């Protein structure tokens, strides 16, 4: 389970940053930055973990607890499909992280960032591999980003109902691929990603 050791060891305002949506075939990438102005309570801490390890219900409970916590500063940022296509997915992730940090409301003394490749941020950075299972701040950021993106994809699924985005969040599941065969590519699909690019090229050759 993640803990608050990294944050406590540094002192000051320490923010955790994580992103979701690097791998899907559709939709934006979303990042979150979460900092606690005081160590999170035992009750809140018990809800926090790597968002991928939590059930959907547990994620929602943790998300709502974070939103309600007055000591949690939260920033959310995204990079659009067009930005992903213009600057590539890695740079789009970093852009989303910078936007999330800019919406935190305060400049942190340190950013704990999940992963091994450091984005350019206006504060010192410590990279933490597997950080969403180590740091409570990063775990909180992973939950906020995951729930935010899942809800966004569910809203898009109302208008584009053939792809199962409310269930697969834009990942290339069998239902999503079947939807692509039936309805084709939408403006929300990432045309630079191989399955979508190959489909577009095949249609162009067929024409």
N, C-alpha and C. Protein backbone atom coordinates (compact mmCIF):
# COMPACT_ATOMS: atom_id res chain seq x y z
N UNK A 1 0.84 -1.20 0.00
CA UNK A 1 0.00 0.00 0.00
C UNK A 1 0.88 1.25 0.00
N UNK A 2 0.49 2.29 -0.72
CA UNK A 2 1.27 3.53 -0.70
C UNK A 2 1.23 4.19 0.67
N UNK A 3 2.26 4.99 0.96
CA UNK A 3 2.29 5.73 2.22
C UNK A 3 2.75 7.16 1.97
N UNK A 4 2.99 7.89 3.06
CA UNK A 4 3.32 9.32 2.95
C UNK A 4 4.80 9.57 3.24
N UNK A 5 5.63 8.52 3.15
CA UNK A 5 7.03 8.64 3.55
C UNK A 5 7.82 9.59 2.66
N UNK A 6 7.65 9.52 1.36
CA UNK A 6 8.40 10.40 0.46
C UNK A 6 8.04 11.86 0.69
N UNK A 7 6.77 12.11 0.87
CA UNK A 7 6.31 13.49 1.11
C UNK A 7 6.85 14.01 2.43
N UNK A 8 6.77 13.21 3.48
CA UNK A 8 7.21 13.63 4.81
C UNK A 8 8.71 13.84 4.85
N UNK A 9 9.46 12.99 4.13
CA UNK A 9 10.92 13.10 4.15
C UNK A 9 11.39 14.40 3.52
N UNK A 10 10.69 14.88 2.52
CA UNK A 10 11.10 16.13 1.86
C UNK A 10 10.63 17.35 2.62
N UNK A 11 9.39 17.32 3.10
CA UNK A 11 8.81 18.47 3.76
C UNK A 11 8.31 19.50 2.74
N UNK A 12 7.67 20.53 3.24
CA UNK A 12 7.09 21.52 2.34
C UNK A 12 5.88 20.99 1.62
N UNK A 13 5.51 21.65 0.54
CA UNK A 13 4.35 21.21 -0.25
C UNK A 13 4.84 20.27 -1.34
N UNK A 14 4.48 19.01 -1.24
CA UNK A 14 4.89 17.99 -2.20
C UNK A 14 3.66 17.54 -2.99
N UNK A 15 3.77 17.58 -4.31
CA UNK A 15 2.66 17.20 -5.16
C UNK A 15 2.95 15.86 -5.83
N UNK A 16 1.93 15.04 -5.97
CA UNK A 16 2.03 13.81 -6.75
C UNK A 16 1.37 14.03 -8.10
N UNK A 17 2.01 13.54 -9.15
CA UNK A 17 1.48 13.73 -10.50
C UNK A 17 1.43 12.40 -11.22
N UNK A 18 0.31 12.14 -11.89
CA UNK A 18 0.16 10.92 -12.69
C UNK A 18 -0.76 11.21 -13.86
N UNK A 19 -0.66 10.38 -14.88
CA UNK A 19 -1.52 10.53 -16.06
C UNK A 19 -2.17 9.20 -16.39
N UNK A 20 -3.28 9.28 -17.09
CA UNK A 20 -3.95 8.10 -17.63
C UNK A 20 -4.32 8.37 -19.08
N UNK A 21 -4.41 7.29 -19.85
CA UNK A 21 -4.84 7.44 -21.24
C UNK A 21 -3.70 7.44 -22.23
N UNK A 22 -2.54 6.89 -21.86
CA UNK A 22 -1.43 6.82 -22.81
C UNK A 22 -1.72 5.81 -23.92
N UNK A 23 -2.39 4.72 -23.61
CA UNK A 23 -2.53 3.63 -24.55
C UNK A 23 -3.81 3.52 -25.37
N UNK A 24 -4.91 4.19 -25.00
CA UNK A 24 -6.15 4.03 -25.76
C UNK A 24 -6.04 4.48 -27.21
N UNK A 25 -6.97 4.01 -28.02
CA UNK A 25 -7.04 4.39 -29.43
C UNK A 25 -7.88 5.64 -29.63
N UNK A 26 -8.57 6.09 -28.58
CA UNK A 26 -9.45 7.25 -28.70
C UNK A 26 -9.42 8.06 -27.42
N UNK A 27 -9.72 9.35 -27.57
CA UNK A 27 -9.84 10.22 -26.41
C UNK A 27 -8.54 10.89 -26.01
N UNK A 28 -8.66 11.90 -25.15
CA UNK A 28 -7.49 12.65 -24.70
C UNK A 28 -6.68 11.89 -23.66
N UNK A 29 -5.51 12.41 -23.35
CA UNK A 29 -4.77 11.95 -22.19
C UNK A 29 -5.07 12.93 -21.06
N UNK A 30 -5.24 12.42 -19.85
CA UNK A 30 -5.61 13.25 -18.70
C UNK A 30 -4.59 13.05 -17.59
N UNK A 31 -4.17 14.15 -16.98
CA UNK A 31 -3.23 14.10 -15.86
C UNK A 31 -3.84 14.80 -14.66
N UNK A 32 -3.36 14.42 -13.49
CA UNK A 32 -3.79 15.08 -12.26
C UNK A 32 -2.59 15.36 -11.38
N UNK A 33 -2.67 16.44 -10.64
CA UNK A 33 -1.68 16.80 -9.64
C UNK A 33 -2.41 16.94 -8.30
N UNK A 34 -1.95 16.23 -7.28
CA UNK A 34 -2.58 16.26 -5.96
C UNK A 34 -1.52 16.51 -4.90
N UNK A 35 -1.77 17.50 -4.05
CA UNK A 35 -0.88 17.80 -2.92
C UNK A 35 -1.73 17.92 -1.66
N UNK A 36 -1.21 17.42 -0.57
CA UNK A 36 -1.90 17.52 0.71
C UNK A 36 -1.21 18.58 1.56
N UNK A 37 -1.99 19.51 2.09
CA UNK A 37 -1.42 20.55 2.95
C UNK A 37 -1.12 20.03 4.34
N UNK A 38 -1.62 18.85 4.66
CA UNK A 38 -1.30 18.12 5.89
C UNK A 38 -1.40 16.64 5.55
N UNK A 39 -0.70 15.77 6.28
CA UNK A 39 -0.78 14.34 5.96
C UNK A 39 -2.22 13.86 5.92
N UNK A 40 -2.58 13.08 4.92
CA UNK A 40 -3.97 12.59 4.82
C UNK A 40 -4.33 11.72 6.01
N UNK A 41 -5.59 11.75 6.38
CA UNK A 41 -6.08 10.97 7.51
C UNK A 41 -5.95 9.47 7.22
N UNK A 42 -6.02 8.68 8.28
CA UNK A 42 -5.98 7.22 8.10
C UNK A 42 -7.15 6.75 7.25
N UNK A 43 -8.31 7.37 7.47
CA UNK A 43 -9.50 6.98 6.69
C UNK A 43 -9.29 7.22 5.21
N UNK A 44 -8.78 8.41 4.86
CA UNK A 44 -8.54 8.71 3.46
C UNK A 44 -7.41 7.84 2.91
N UNK A 45 -6.34 7.71 3.67
CA UNK A 45 -5.19 6.91 3.22
C UNK A 45 -5.60 5.48 2.88
N UNK A 46 -6.52 4.94 3.66
CA UNK A 46 -6.94 3.55 3.45
C UNK A 46 -7.68 3.36 2.13
N UNK A 47 -8.19 4.46 1.57
CA UNK A 47 -8.92 4.39 0.30
C UNK A 47 -8.00 4.50 -0.91
N UNK A 48 -6.77 4.97 -0.70
CA UNK A 48 -5.90 5.32 -1.81
C UNK A 48 -4.94 4.19 -2.18
N UNK A 49 -4.87 3.93 -3.47
CA UNK A 49 -3.93 2.95 -4.01
C UNK A 49 -3.83 3.23 -5.50
N UNK A 50 -2.93 2.53 -6.15
CA UNK A 50 -2.84 2.58 -7.60
C UNK A 50 -4.24 2.39 -8.18
N UNK A 51 -4.69 3.33 -8.99
CA UNK A 51 -6.07 3.29 -9.49
C UNK A 51 -6.36 2.02 -10.28
N UNK A 52 -5.33 1.43 -10.90
CA UNK A 52 -5.54 0.21 -11.68
C UNK A 52 -5.85 -0.99 -10.79
N UNK A 53 -5.49 -0.91 -9.52
CA UNK A 53 -5.73 -2.02 -8.59
C UNK A 53 -7.11 -1.93 -7.94
N UNK A 54 -7.77 -0.79 -8.08
CA UNK A 54 -9.04 -0.57 -7.40
C UNK A 54 -10.21 -0.96 -8.30
N UNK A 55 -11.28 -1.43 -7.71
CA UNK A 55 -12.51 -1.63 -8.46
C UNK A 55 -13.09 -0.26 -8.81
N UNK A 56 -14.00 -0.23 -9.77
CA UNK A 56 -14.63 1.03 -10.15
C UNK A 56 -15.32 1.68 -8.95
N UNK A 57 -15.96 0.87 -8.13
CA UNK A 57 -16.65 1.40 -6.95
C UNK A 57 -15.66 2.02 -5.96
N UNK A 58 -14.53 1.32 -5.73
CA UNK A 58 -13.53 1.84 -4.81
C UNK A 58 -12.91 3.13 -5.34
N UNK A 59 -12.71 3.20 -6.64
CA UNK A 59 -12.15 4.41 -7.23
C UNK A 59 -13.08 5.59 -7.01
N UNK A 60 -14.37 5.37 -7.20
CA UNK A 60 -15.34 6.45 -7.01
C UNK A 60 -15.35 6.91 -5.55
N UNK A 61 -15.33 5.97 -4.62
CA UNK A 61 -15.29 6.32 -3.20
C UNK A 61 -14.05 7.15 -2.88
N UNK A 62 -12.90 6.72 -3.39
CA UNK A 62 -11.66 7.45 -3.15
C UNK A 62 -11.70 8.84 -3.81
N UNK A 63 -12.22 8.90 -5.04
CA UNK A 63 -12.34 10.17 -5.76
C UNK A 63 -13.19 11.16 -4.96
N UNK A 64 -14.35 10.69 -4.52
CA UNK A 64 -15.26 11.58 -3.78
C UNK A 64 -14.65 12.03 -2.46
N UNK A 65 -13.91 11.13 -1.80
CA UNK A 65 -13.25 11.50 -0.55
C UNK A 65 -12.16 12.55 -0.79
N UNK A 66 -11.45 12.43 -1.88
CA UNK A 66 -10.41 13.41 -2.21
C UNK A 66 -11.02 14.77 -2.53
N UNK A 67 -12.08 14.76 -3.33
CA UNK A 67 -12.74 16.02 -3.69
C UNK A 67 -13.28 16.73 -2.45
N UNK A 68 -13.75 15.96 -1.48
CA UNK A 68 -14.34 16.54 -0.27
C UNK A 68 -13.30 16.96 0.76
N UNK A 69 -12.06 16.51 0.61
CA UNK A 69 -11.02 16.77 1.61
C UNK A 69 -10.46 18.19 1.43
N UNK A 70 -10.65 19.04 2.44
CA UNK A 70 -10.20 20.43 2.34
C UNK A 70 -8.68 20.55 2.31
N UNK A 71 -7.98 19.52 2.75
CA UNK A 71 -6.52 19.55 2.76
C UNK A 71 -5.90 19.01 1.47
N UNK A 72 -6.73 18.60 0.53
CA UNK A 72 -6.23 18.09 -0.75
C UNK A 72 -6.34 19.18 -1.81
N UNK A 73 -5.21 19.58 -2.35
CA UNK A 73 -5.19 20.51 -3.48
C UNK A 73 -5.14 19.67 -4.75
N UNK A 74 -6.03 19.96 -5.70
CA UNK A 74 -6.17 19.11 -6.88
C UNK A 74 -6.14 19.95 -8.15
N UNK A 75 -5.31 19.53 -9.09
CA UNK A 75 -5.30 20.14 -10.41
C UNK A 75 -5.48 19.06 -11.46
N UNK A 76 -6.23 19.37 -12.50
CA UNK A 76 -6.48 18.40 -13.58
C UNK A 76 -6.13 19.06 -14.91
N UNK A 77 -5.44 18.33 -15.76
CA UNK A 77 -5.10 18.84 -17.09
C UNK A 77 -5.26 17.75 -18.12
N UNK A 78 -5.40 18.15 -19.37
CA UNK A 78 -5.57 17.17 -20.45
C UNK A 78 -4.85 17.66 -21.70
N UNK A 79 -4.59 16.73 -22.59
CA UNK A 79 -4.11 17.06 -23.93
C UNK A 79 -5.03 16.36 -24.92
N UNK A 80 -5.46 17.08 -25.91
CA UNK A 80 -6.48 16.60 -26.85
C UNK A 80 -5.91 15.62 -27.86
N UNK A 81 -6.81 14.97 -28.59
CA UNK A 81 -6.40 14.06 -29.65
C UNK A 81 -5.56 14.80 -30.69
N UNK A 82 -5.96 16.02 -31.06
CA UNK A 82 -5.19 16.77 -32.05
C UNK A 82 -3.80 17.11 -31.53
N UNK A 83 -3.69 17.39 -30.23
CA UNK A 83 -2.36 17.66 -29.65
C UNK A 83 -1.52 16.39 -29.61
N UNK A 84 -2.15 15.26 -29.31
CA UNK A 84 -1.42 13.98 -29.34
C UNK A 84 -0.85 13.74 -30.73
N UNK A 85 -1.65 14.04 -31.77
CA UNK A 85 -1.20 13.83 -33.14
C UNK A 85 -0.10 14.80 -33.53
N UNK A 86 -0.14 16.01 -32.99
CA UNK A 86 0.84 17.03 -33.35
C UNK A 86 2.19 16.83 -32.68
N UNK A 87 2.18 16.42 -31.40
CA UNK A 87 3.44 16.42 -30.64
C UNK A 87 3.84 15.04 -30.13
N UNK A 88 3.07 14.02 -30.38
CA UNK A 88 3.24 12.62 -29.98
C UNK A 88 2.71 12.39 -28.56
N UNK A 89 2.45 11.13 -28.25
CA UNK A 89 1.76 10.80 -27.00
C UNK A 89 2.61 11.12 -25.78
N UNK A 90 3.92 10.90 -25.85
CA UNK A 90 4.76 11.18 -24.68
C UNK A 90 4.74 12.66 -24.34
N UNK A 91 4.92 13.51 -25.36
CA UNK A 91 4.92 14.95 -25.12
C UNK A 91 3.53 15.44 -24.70
N UNK A 92 2.49 14.80 -25.20
CA UNK A 92 1.13 15.16 -24.80
C UNK A 92 0.91 14.84 -23.32
N UNK A 93 1.47 13.71 -22.85
CA UNK A 93 1.38 13.38 -21.43
C UNK A 93 2.04 14.45 -20.58
N UNK A 94 3.23 14.90 -21.01
CA UNK A 94 3.94 15.94 -20.26
C UNK A 94 3.16 17.26 -20.28
N UNK A 95 2.54 17.57 -21.42
CA UNK A 95 1.73 18.78 -21.52
C UNK A 95 0.55 18.72 -20.55
N UNK A 96 -0.11 17.57 -20.50
CA UNK A 96 -1.23 17.39 -19.57
C UNK A 96 -0.76 17.54 -18.12
N UNK A 97 0.42 17.01 -17.81
CA UNK A 97 0.97 17.15 -16.46
C UNK A 97 1.23 18.61 -16.11
N UNK A 98 1.81 19.36 -17.05
CA UNK A 98 2.07 20.78 -16.78
C UNK A 98 0.77 21.54 -16.58
N UNK A 99 -0.23 21.22 -17.36
CA UNK A 99 -1.53 21.89 -17.20
C UNK A 99 -2.16 21.54 -15.85
N UNK A 100 -2.05 20.27 -15.45
CA UNK A 100 -2.58 19.88 -14.14
C UNK A 100 -1.88 20.63 -13.03
N UNK A 101 -0.55 20.72 -13.11
CA UNK A 101 0.22 21.42 -12.07
C UNK A 101 -0.14 22.90 -12.03
N UNK A 102 -0.36 23.50 -13.20
CA UNK A 102 -0.68 24.93 -13.24
C UNK A 102 -2.03 25.23 -12.59
N UNK A 103 -2.89 24.21 -12.50
CA UNK A 103 -4.23 24.39 -11.92
C UNK A 103 -4.28 23.96 -10.45
N UNK A 104 -3.12 23.65 -9.90
CA UNK A 104 -3.08 23.26 -8.49
C UNK A 104 -3.37 24.44 -7.58
N UNK A 105 -3.00 25.64 -8.02
CA UNK A 105 -3.24 26.85 -7.21
C UNK A 105 -2.03 27.31 -6.43
N UNK A 106 -1.02 26.44 -6.28
CA UNK A 106 0.21 26.79 -5.58
C UNK A 106 1.39 26.10 -6.24
N UNK A 107 2.55 26.73 -6.16
CA UNK A 107 3.76 26.11 -6.69
C UNK A 107 4.36 25.20 -5.62
N UNK A 108 4.49 23.92 -5.90
CA UNK A 108 5.01 22.99 -4.89
C UNK A 108 6.52 23.09 -4.72
N UNK A 109 6.99 22.57 -3.60
CA UNK A 109 8.43 22.50 -3.34
C UNK A 109 9.05 21.30 -4.04
N UNK A 110 8.24 20.30 -4.34
CA UNK A 110 8.72 19.10 -5.03
C UNK A 110 7.55 18.43 -5.72
N UNK A 111 7.81 17.88 -6.91
CA UNK A 111 6.82 17.07 -7.61
C UNK A 111 7.30 15.63 -7.66
N UNK A 112 6.48 14.72 -7.15
CA UNK A 112 6.72 13.29 -7.29
C UNK A 112 5.94 12.82 -8.52
N UNK A 113 6.65 12.34 -9.52
CA UNK A 113 6.01 12.00 -10.79
C UNK A 113 6.15 10.50 -11.04
N UNK A 114 5.06 9.86 -11.34
CA UNK A 114 5.07 8.42 -11.62
C UNK A 114 5.80 8.16 -12.93
N UNK A 115 6.72 7.20 -12.93
CA UNK A 115 7.43 6.83 -14.14
C UNK A 115 8.92 7.07 -14.04
N UNK A 116 9.60 7.02 -15.20
CA UNK A 116 11.05 7.19 -15.20
C UNK A 116 11.54 8.31 -16.10
N UNK A 117 10.66 8.89 -16.92
CA UNK A 117 11.06 9.98 -17.80
C UNK A 117 10.46 11.28 -17.28
N UNK A 118 11.32 12.24 -16.99
CA UNK A 118 10.89 13.46 -16.32
C UNK A 118 10.33 14.49 -17.31
N UNK A 119 9.14 15.01 -17.02
CA UNK A 119 8.62 16.14 -17.79
C UNK A 119 9.31 17.43 -17.34
N UNK A 120 9.19 18.46 -18.14
CA UNK A 120 9.69 19.77 -17.73
C UNK A 120 8.61 20.44 -16.89
N UNK A 121 8.94 20.71 -15.63
CA UNK A 121 8.00 21.34 -14.71
C UNK A 121 8.69 22.52 -14.01
N UNK A 122 7.90 23.49 -13.53
CA UNK A 122 8.49 24.67 -12.89
C UNK A 122 8.83 24.45 -11.42
N UNK A 123 9.28 23.26 -11.07
CA UNK A 123 9.65 22.95 -9.69
C UNK A 123 10.56 21.72 -9.71
N UNK A 124 11.28 21.44 -8.62
CA UNK A 124 12.08 20.22 -8.57
C UNK A 124 11.22 18.98 -8.74
N UNK A 125 11.83 17.94 -9.33
CA UNK A 125 11.10 16.71 -9.65
C UNK A 125 11.84 15.51 -9.08
N UNK A 126 11.08 14.55 -8.58
CA UNK A 126 11.62 13.24 -8.23
C UNK A 126 10.78 12.21 -8.96
N UNK A 127 11.40 11.43 -9.84
CA UNK A 127 10.70 10.38 -10.55
C UNK A 127 10.57 9.16 -9.64
N UNK A 128 9.40 8.55 -9.65
CA UNK A 128 9.14 7.38 -8.80
C UNK A 128 8.52 6.29 -9.67
N UNK A 129 9.31 5.28 -10.01
CA UNK A 129 8.81 4.17 -10.81
C UNK A 129 7.81 3.36 -9.97
N UNK A 130 6.64 3.13 -10.54
CA UNK A 130 5.58 2.47 -9.78
C UNK A 130 5.06 3.34 -8.66
N UNK A 131 5.14 4.64 -8.86
CA UNK A 131 4.83 5.59 -7.79
C UNK A 131 3.41 5.55 -7.28
N UNK A 132 2.46 5.13 -8.13
CA UNK A 132 1.07 5.09 -7.67
C UNK A 132 0.83 3.99 -6.66
N UNK A 133 1.80 3.08 -6.50
CA UNK A 133 1.71 2.08 -5.45
C UNK A 133 2.65 2.36 -4.29
N UNK A 134 3.34 3.53 -4.34
CA UNK A 134 4.33 3.89 -3.33
C UNK A 134 3.94 5.15 -2.57
N UNK A 135 3.55 6.17 -3.29
CA UNK A 135 3.25 7.49 -2.71
C UNK A 135 1.75 7.75 -2.68
N UNK A 136 1.26 8.19 -1.52
CA UNK A 136 -0.17 8.51 -1.41
C UNK A 136 -0.56 9.66 -2.34
N UNK A 137 0.33 10.62 -2.52
CA UNK A 137 0.01 11.75 -3.40
C UNK A 137 -0.12 11.30 -4.86
N UNK A 138 0.79 10.43 -5.30
CA UNK A 138 0.71 9.92 -6.67
C UNK A 138 -0.51 9.02 -6.83
N UNK A 139 -0.77 8.18 -5.82
CA UNK A 139 -1.97 7.33 -5.88
C UNK A 139 -3.22 8.18 -6.01
N UNK A 140 -3.30 9.26 -5.23
CA UNK A 140 -4.45 10.17 -5.30
C UNK A 140 -4.57 10.77 -6.70
N UNK A 141 -3.42 11.18 -7.28
CA UNK A 141 -3.44 11.76 -8.62
C UNK A 141 -3.90 10.73 -9.65
N UNK A 142 -3.49 9.48 -9.48
CA UNK A 142 -3.90 8.44 -10.43
C UNK A 142 -5.40 8.21 -10.38
N UNK A 143 -5.97 8.29 -9.19
CA UNK A 143 -7.41 8.09 -9.03
C UNK A 143 -8.20 9.24 -9.64
N UNK A 144 -7.77 10.47 -9.34
CA UNK A 144 -8.46 11.63 -9.90
C UNK A 144 -8.41 11.61 -11.42
N UNK A 145 -7.23 11.31 -11.98
CA UNK A 145 -7.09 11.30 -13.44
C UNK A 145 -7.93 10.18 -14.07
N UNK A 146 -7.90 9.00 -13.45
CA UNK A 146 -8.64 7.85 -14.01
C UNK A 146 -10.14 8.09 -14.00
N UNK A 147 -10.69 8.54 -12.88
CA UNK A 147 -12.13 8.77 -12.80
C UNK A 147 -12.55 9.88 -13.76
N UNK A 148 -11.75 10.95 -13.82
CA UNK A 148 -12.05 12.07 -14.72
C UNK A 148 -12.10 11.60 -16.16
N UNK A 149 -11.09 10.83 -16.57
CA UNK A 149 -11.04 10.39 -17.97
C UNK A 149 -12.15 9.38 -18.27
N UNK A 150 -12.40 8.46 -17.35
CA UNK A 150 -13.47 7.48 -17.57
C UNK A 150 -14.82 8.18 -17.76
N UNK A 151 -15.07 9.20 -16.96
CA UNK A 151 -16.34 9.93 -17.09
C UNK A 151 -16.42 10.68 -18.41
N UNK A 152 -15.28 11.24 -18.83
CA UNK A 152 -15.26 11.95 -20.11
C UNK A 152 -15.55 10.98 -21.26
N UNK A 153 -14.95 9.80 -21.22
CA UNK A 153 -15.18 8.83 -22.29
C UNK A 153 -16.62 8.31 -22.27
N UNK A 154 -17.20 8.19 -21.08
CA UNK A 154 -18.61 7.78 -20.99
C UNK A 154 -19.52 8.83 -21.61
N UNK A 155 -19.18 10.10 -21.43
CA UNK A 155 -19.98 11.17 -22.07
C UNK A 155 -19.84 11.12 -23.59
N UNK A 156 -18.62 10.89 -24.07
CA UNK A 156 -18.43 10.77 -25.52
C UNK A 156 -19.17 9.57 -26.08
N UNK A 157 -19.31 8.51 -25.28
CA UNK A 157 -19.99 7.30 -25.74
C UNK A 157 -21.47 7.53 -26.00
N UNK A 158 -22.04 8.55 -25.37
CA UNK A 158 -23.46 8.86 -25.61
C UNK A 158 -23.66 9.28 -27.06
N UNK A 159 -22.70 10.05 -27.59
CA UNK A 159 -22.79 10.53 -28.97
C UNK A 159 -22.22 9.53 -29.98
N UNK A 160 -21.32 8.68 -29.50
CA UNK A 160 -20.69 7.68 -30.38
C UNK A 160 -20.87 6.32 -29.70
N UNK A 161 -22.02 5.73 -29.95
CA UNK A 161 -22.44 4.59 -29.13
C UNK A 161 -22.02 3.23 -29.65
N UNK A 162 -21.23 3.19 -30.72
CA UNK A 162 -20.89 1.90 -31.32
C UNK A 162 -19.60 1.29 -30.76
N UNK A 163 -18.87 2.03 -29.93
CA UNK A 163 -17.49 1.63 -29.60
C UNK A 163 -17.31 1.13 -28.17
N UNK A 164 -18.33 1.26 -27.36
CA UNK A 164 -18.24 0.78 -25.98
C UNK A 164 -17.31 1.58 -25.09
N UNK A 165 -17.15 2.86 -25.39
CA UNK A 165 -16.21 3.69 -24.62
C UNK A 165 -16.59 3.81 -23.16
N UNK A 166 -17.88 3.66 -22.85
CA UNK A 166 -18.30 3.73 -21.45
C UNK A 166 -17.79 2.54 -20.66
N UNK A 167 -17.35 1.49 -21.36
CA UNK A 167 -16.81 0.29 -20.71
C UNK A 167 -15.31 0.14 -20.91
N UNK A 168 -14.80 0.54 -22.09
CA UNK A 168 -13.38 0.31 -22.39
C UNK A 168 -12.53 1.57 -22.37
N UNK A 169 -13.15 2.74 -22.17
CA UNK A 169 -12.44 4.03 -22.06
C UNK A 169 -11.55 4.31 -23.27
N UNK A 170 -11.89 3.72 -24.42
CA UNK A 170 -11.14 4.00 -25.63
C UNK A 170 -10.04 3.01 -25.94
N UNK A 171 -9.81 2.03 -25.06
CA UNK A 171 -8.80 1.01 -25.34
C UNK A 171 -9.30 0.09 -26.46
N UNK A 172 -8.36 -0.60 -27.09
CA UNK A 172 -8.69 -1.39 -28.27
C UNK A 172 -9.27 -2.75 -27.98
N UNK A 173 -10.37 -2.79 -27.28
CA UNK A 173 -11.04 -4.05 -26.97
C UNK A 173 -11.74 -4.60 -28.22
N UNK A 174 -12.21 -5.84 -28.11
CA UNK A 174 -12.93 -6.45 -29.23
C UNK A 174 -14.16 -5.63 -29.61
N UNK A 175 -14.88 -5.14 -28.60
CA UNK A 175 -16.08 -4.33 -28.87
C UNK A 175 -15.71 -3.04 -29.59
N UNK A 176 -14.62 -2.42 -29.18
CA UNK A 176 -14.18 -1.18 -29.81
C UNK A 176 -13.79 -1.44 -31.27
N UNK A 177 -13.03 -2.50 -31.50
CA UNK A 177 -12.60 -2.81 -32.87
C UNK A 177 -13.79 -3.16 -33.76
N UNK A 178 -14.79 -3.85 -33.19
CA UNK A 178 -15.98 -4.16 -33.96
C UNK A 178 -16.73 -2.88 -34.32
N UNK A 179 -16.79 -1.93 -33.38
CA UNK A 179 -17.40 -0.64 -33.67
C UNK A 179 -16.70 0.10 -34.78
N UNK A 180 -15.38 0.02 -34.81
CA UNK A 180 -14.61 0.66 -35.88
C UNK A 180 -14.95 0.05 -37.24
N UNK A 181 -15.11 -1.27 -37.27
CA UNK A 181 -15.47 -1.93 -38.53
C UNK A 181 -16.86 -1.50 -39.01
N UNK A 182 -17.78 -1.33 -38.05
CA UNK A 182 -19.16 -0.99 -38.40
C UNK A 182 -19.34 0.49 -38.74
N UNK A 183 -18.72 1.36 -37.93
CA UNK A 183 -18.98 2.81 -38.04
C UNK A 183 -17.78 3.62 -38.54
N UNK A 184 -16.60 3.03 -38.50
CA UNK A 184 -15.42 3.77 -38.96
C UNK A 184 -14.83 4.65 -37.87
N UNK A 185 -13.94 5.52 -38.30
CA UNK A 185 -13.15 6.36 -37.39
C UNK A 185 -13.88 7.66 -37.09
N UNK A 186 -13.85 8.07 -35.82
CA UNK A 186 -14.46 9.33 -35.38
C UNK A 186 -13.38 10.39 -35.21
N UNK A 187 -13.77 11.66 -35.01
CA UNK A 187 -12.78 12.70 -34.72
C UNK A 187 -12.05 12.48 -33.40
N UNK A 188 -12.57 11.59 -32.55
CA UNK A 188 -11.95 11.34 -31.25
C UNK A 188 -10.92 10.21 -31.30
N UNK A 189 -10.76 9.58 -32.46
CA UNK A 189 -9.77 8.51 -32.60
C UNK A 189 -8.39 9.10 -32.89
N UNK A 190 -7.38 8.41 -32.40
CA UNK A 190 -5.99 8.84 -32.57
C UNK A 190 -5.45 8.24 -33.87
N UNK A 191 -5.42 9.07 -34.89
CA UNK A 191 -5.06 8.58 -36.22
C UNK A 191 -3.61 8.16 -36.34
N UNK A 192 -2.76 8.61 -35.44
CA UNK A 192 -1.36 8.21 -35.49
C UNK A 192 -1.09 6.86 -34.86
N UNK A 193 -2.08 6.32 -34.14
CA UNK A 193 -1.88 5.02 -33.51
C UNK A 193 -2.13 3.91 -34.54
N UNK A 194 -1.27 2.89 -34.51
CA UNK A 194 -1.20 1.91 -35.59
C UNK A 194 -2.54 1.31 -36.02
N UNK A 195 -3.40 0.82 -35.09
CA UNK A 195 -4.65 0.21 -35.56
C UNK A 195 -5.54 1.19 -36.33
N UNK A 196 -5.57 2.43 -35.89
CA UNK A 196 -6.40 3.44 -36.57
C UNK A 196 -5.74 3.83 -37.88
N UNK A 197 -4.44 4.06 -37.85
CA UNK A 197 -3.70 4.44 -39.06
C UNK A 197 -3.83 3.35 -40.12
N UNK A 198 -3.69 2.10 -39.71
CA UNK A 198 -3.79 0.99 -40.67
C UNK A 198 -5.18 0.91 -41.27
N UNK A 199 -6.21 1.17 -40.46
CA UNK A 199 -7.57 1.13 -40.96
C UNK A 199 -7.82 2.23 -41.99
N UNK A 200 -7.32 3.42 -41.70
CA UNK A 200 -7.48 4.55 -42.64
C UNK A 200 -6.76 4.26 -43.94
N UNK A 201 -5.53 3.73 -43.83
CA UNK A 201 -4.75 3.42 -45.04
C UNK A 201 -5.41 2.33 -45.86
N UNK A 202 -5.99 1.32 -45.17
CA UNK A 202 -6.67 0.24 -45.90
C UNK A 202 -7.88 0.77 -46.65
N UNK A 203 -8.63 1.67 -46.02
CA UNK A 203 -9.80 2.25 -46.68
C UNK A 203 -9.39 3.09 -47.87
N UNK A 204 -8.26 3.80 -47.73
CA UNK A 204 -7.77 4.64 -48.84
C UNK A 204 -7.36 3.78 -50.02
N UNK A 205 -6.70 2.65 -49.76
CA UNK A 205 -6.29 1.75 -50.82
C UNK A 205 -7.49 1.11 -51.50
N UNK A 206 -8.51 0.78 -50.68
CA UNK A 206 -9.71 0.16 -51.23
C UNK A 206 -10.45 1.11 -52.15
N UNK A 207 -10.41 2.40 -51.80
CA UNK A 207 -11.07 3.39 -52.63
C UNK A 207 -10.32 3.58 -53.94
